[in-house]
C-alpha atoms as a PDB file:
ATOM      1  CA  MET A   1     -28.757  34.916   7.971  1.00  0.00           C
ATOM      2  CA  GLU A   2     -25.658  35.221   8.797  1.00  0.00           C
ATOM      3  CA  LYS A   3     -26.101  32.616  11.495  1.00  0.00           C
ATOM      4  CA  VAL A   4     -26.983  30.599   9.305  1.00  0.00           C
ATOM      5  CA  LEU A   5     -23.947  31.133   7.131  1.00  0.00           C
ATOM      6  CA  THR A   6     -21.543  30.340   9.281  1.00  0.00           C
ATOM      7  CA  VAL A   7     -22.952  27.611  10.245  1.00  0.00           C
ATOM      8  CA  LEU A   8     -23.130  26.379   6.837  1.00  0.00           C
ATOM      9  CA  GLY A   9     -19.950  27.680   6.781  1.00  0.00           C
ATOM     10  CA  GLY A  10     -18.297  24.841  10.062  1.00  0.00           C
ATOM     11  CA  LEU A  11     -20.467  22.172   8.392  1.00  0.00           C
ATOM     12  CA  VAL A  12     -18.589  22.515   4.925  1.00  0.00           C
ATOM     13  CA  PHE A  13     -15.113  22.852   6.850  1.00  0.00           C
ATOM     14  CA  THR A  14     -15.558  19.649   8.854  1.00  0.00           C
ATOM     15  CA  ILE A  15     -16.655  17.847   6.201  1.00  0.00           C
ATOM     16  CA  LEU A  16     -13.167  18.910   4.318  1.00  0.00           C
ATOM     17  CA  ALA A  17     -11.453  18.088   7.362  1.00  0.00           C
ATOM     18  CA  VAL A  18     -12.465  14.563   7.869  1.00  0.00           C
ATOM     19  CA  PHE A  19     -12.221  14.136   4.273  1.00  0.00           C
ATOM     20  CA  TYR A  20      -8.318  15.466   4.666  1.00  0.00           C
ATOM     21  CA  LEU A  21      -7.568  13.274   7.935  1.00  0.00           C
ATOM     22  CA  ILE A  22      -9.359   9.367   5.961  1.00  0.00           C
ATOM     23  CA  VAL A  23      -7.527  10.026   2.756  1.00  0.00           C
ATOM     24  CA  SER A  24      -4.580  11.543   4.535  1.00  0.00           C
ATOM     25  CA  VAL A  25      -4.226   8.981   6.779  1.00  0.00           C
ATOM     26  CA  ALA A  26      -4.550   5.989   4.070  1.00  0.00           C
ATOM     27  CA  PHE A  27      -2.050   7.741   2.111  1.00  0.00           C
ATOM     28  CA  VAL A  28       0.694   7.538   5.008  1.00  0.00           C
ATOM     29  CA  GLN A  29      -0.736   3.601   5.258  1.00  0.00           C
ATOM     30  CA  VAL A  30      -0.236   2.958   1.270  1.00  0.00           C
ATOM     31  CA  TYR A  31       3.777   4.157   1.874  1.00  0.00           C
ATOM     32  CA  TYR A  32       4.077   2.655   5.102  1.00  0.00           C
ATOM     33  CA  TRP A  33       2.613  -0.947   3.785  1.00  0.00           C
ATOM     34  CA  ASP A  34       4.847  -0.662   0.524  1.00  0.00           C
ATOM     35  CA  TRP A  35       7.884   0.947   2.304  1.00  0.00           C
ATOM     36  CA  PHE A  36       7.780  -1.674   5.220  1.00  0.00           C
ATOM     37  CA  ILE A  37       5.329  -4.871   4.626  1.00  0.00           C
ATOM     38  CA  ILE A  38       6.060  -5.965   0.964  1.00  0.00           C
ATOM     39  CA  PRO A  39       9.653  -6.138   1.109  1.00  0.00           C
ATOM     40  CA  LEU A  40       9.402  -8.210   4.214  1.00  0.00           C
ATOM     41  CA  GLY A  41       8.579 -11.297   1.288  1.00  0.00           C
ATOM     42  CA  LEU A  42       5.640 -12.293   2.968  1.00  0.00           C
ATOM     43  CA  ASP A  43       3.076 -12.713  -0.786  1.00  0.00           C
ATOM     44  CA  LEU A  44       1.168 -10.151   0.588  1.00  0.00           C
ATOM     45  CA  PRO A  45      -1.043  -8.070  -1.712  1.00  0.00           C
ATOM     46  CA  THR A  46      -0.788  -4.006  -2.407  1.00  0.00           C
ATOM     47  CA  PHE A  47      -3.307  -2.010  -0.901  1.00  0.00           C
ATOM     48  CA  THR A  48      -4.722   1.121  -2.793  1.00  0.00           C
ATOM     49  CA  ILE A  49      -6.029   4.563  -1.305  1.00  0.00           C
ATOM     50  CA  SER A  50      -9.182   3.348  -1.449  1.00  0.00           C
ATOM     51  CA  GLN A  51      -9.030   0.558  -0.129  1.00  0.00           C
ATOM     52  CA  TRP A  52      -7.159   2.002   3.156  1.00  0.00           C
ATOM     53  CA  VAL A  53      -9.934   4.578   3.294  1.00  0.00           C
ATOM     54  CA  SER A  54     -12.534   1.393   4.255  1.00  0.00           C
ATOM     55  CA  ILE A  55      -9.995  -0.507   5.644  1.00  0.00           C
ATOM     56  CA  ASN A  56     -10.065   2.386   8.233  1.00  0.00           C
ATOM     57  CA  LEU A  57     -13.773   3.352   8.095  1.00  0.00           C
ATOM     58  CA  MET A  58     -14.157  -0.769   9.792  1.00  0.00           C
ATOM     59  CA  MET A  59     -11.816  -0.292  11.839  1.00  0.00           C
ATOM     60  CA  SER A  60     -13.290   3.259  13.330  1.00  0.00           C
ATOM     61  CA  LEU A  61     -16.790   1.159  13.465  1.00  0.00           C
ATOM     62  CA  ILE A  62     -15.083  -1.813  15.583  1.00  0.00           C
ATOM     63  CA  LYS A  63     -13.200   0.643  17.864  1.00  0.00           C
ATOM     64  CA  PRO A  64     -14.315   3.685  18.746  1.00  0.00           C
ATOM     65  CA  ASN A  65     -13.060   6.832  19.667  1.00  0.00           C
ATOM     66  CA  PHE A  66     -15.286   8.301  22.588  1.00  0.00           C
ATOM     67  CA  ASP A  67     -12.788   8.940  25.593  1.00  0.00           C
ATOM     68  CA  GLY A  68     -16.092   9.476  27.784  1.00  0.00           C
ATOM     69  CA  ALA A  69     -15.457  12.985  28.498  1.00  0.00           C
ATOM     70  CA  THR A  70     -18.798  15.301  27.526  1.00  0.00           C
ATOM     71  CA  ARG A  71     -17.026  18.780  28.109  1.00  0.00           C
ATOM     72  CA  GLU A  72     -16.863  21.326  25.935  1.00  0.00           C
ATOM     73  CA  LYS A  73     -13.906  21.604  23.861  1.00  0.00           C
ATOM     74  CA  THR A  74     -12.201  25.506  24.546  1.00  0.00           C
ATOM     75  CA  THR A  75     -10.615  27.677  21.263  1.00  0.00           C
ATOM     76  CA  ALA A  76      -7.554  26.700  22.015  1.00  0.00           C
ATOM     77  CA  GLU A  77      -7.915  23.938  21.911  1.00  0.00           C
ATOM     78  CA  SER A  78      -9.704  22.746  18.477  1.00  0.00           C
ATOM     79  CA  LYS A  79      -7.380  24.969  17.302  1.00  0.00           C
ATOM     80  CA  LYS A  80      -4.441  22.501  18.013  1.00  0.00           C
ATOM     81  CA  TYR A  81      -6.414  19.688  17.661  1.00  0.00           C
ATOM     82  CA  LEU A  82      -7.115  20.875  13.513  1.00  0.00           C
ATOM     83  CA  ILE A  83      -2.866  21.710  14.048  1.00  0.00           C
ATOM     84  CA  THR A  84      -2.284  17.998  15.061  1.00  0.00           C
ATOM     85  CA  ILE A  85      -4.782  16.251  12.541  1.00  0.00           C
ATOM     86  CA  THR A  86      -3.288  18.407   9.659  1.00  0.00           C
ATOM     87  CA  VAL A  87       0.337  17.934  10.453  1.00  0.00           C
ATOM     88  CA  PHE A  88       0.408  14.050  11.476  1.00  0.00           C
ATOM     89  CA  PRO A  89      -0.022  12.755   8.793  1.00  0.00           C
ATOM     90  CA  ILE A  90       2.508  14.302   6.861  1.00  0.00           C
ATOM     91  CA  MET A  91       5.116  13.951   9.892  1.00  0.00           C
ATOM     92  CA  ALA A  92       4.626  10.684   9.657  1.00  0.00           C
ATOM     93  CA  LEU A  93       4.935  10.494   6.115  1.00  0.00           C
ATOM     94  CA  LEU A  94       8.328  11.823   6.749  1.00  0.00           C
ATOM     95  CA  PHE A  95       9.387   9.571   8.861  1.00  0.00           C
ATOM     96  CA  GLY A  96       8.724   6.491   7.114  1.00  0.00           C
ATOM     97  CA  TRP A  97      10.441   7.808   4.909  1.00  0.00           C
ATOM     98  CA  ILE A  98      13.389   8.479   6.292  1.00  0.00           C
ATOM     99  CA  ILE A  99      13.700   5.484   8.124  1.00  0.00           C
ATOM    100  CA  SER A 100      12.541   3.384   5.080  1.00  0.00           C
ATOM    101  CA  SER A 101      15.532   4.999   3.115  1.00  0.00           C
ATOM    102  CA  CYS A 102      17.925   3.996   6.036  1.00  0.00           C
ATOM    103  CA  ILE A 103      16.933   0.582   5.897  1.00  0.00           C
END
């Protein structure tokens, strides 16, 4: 029973991590689009988070992210990857805000 709960917990955590990554990147893209593309005056439409999620999912189907390696990740590599996908959208939004404030 303990093994089943561990596997189920890992599955739920993975689903939540993927959901967070997809939505947070789309959130950053909404702001980047509004900060850097719309001010150019090219009469382009604005996009919502759900539209950016759809664009990202479509692009991930077109461009696979497989690097050819089939080895298992160590626990340290998994933790580093988890921290990276958690912090990256926040840092990207912060740097974009700093740049848009200076322009």
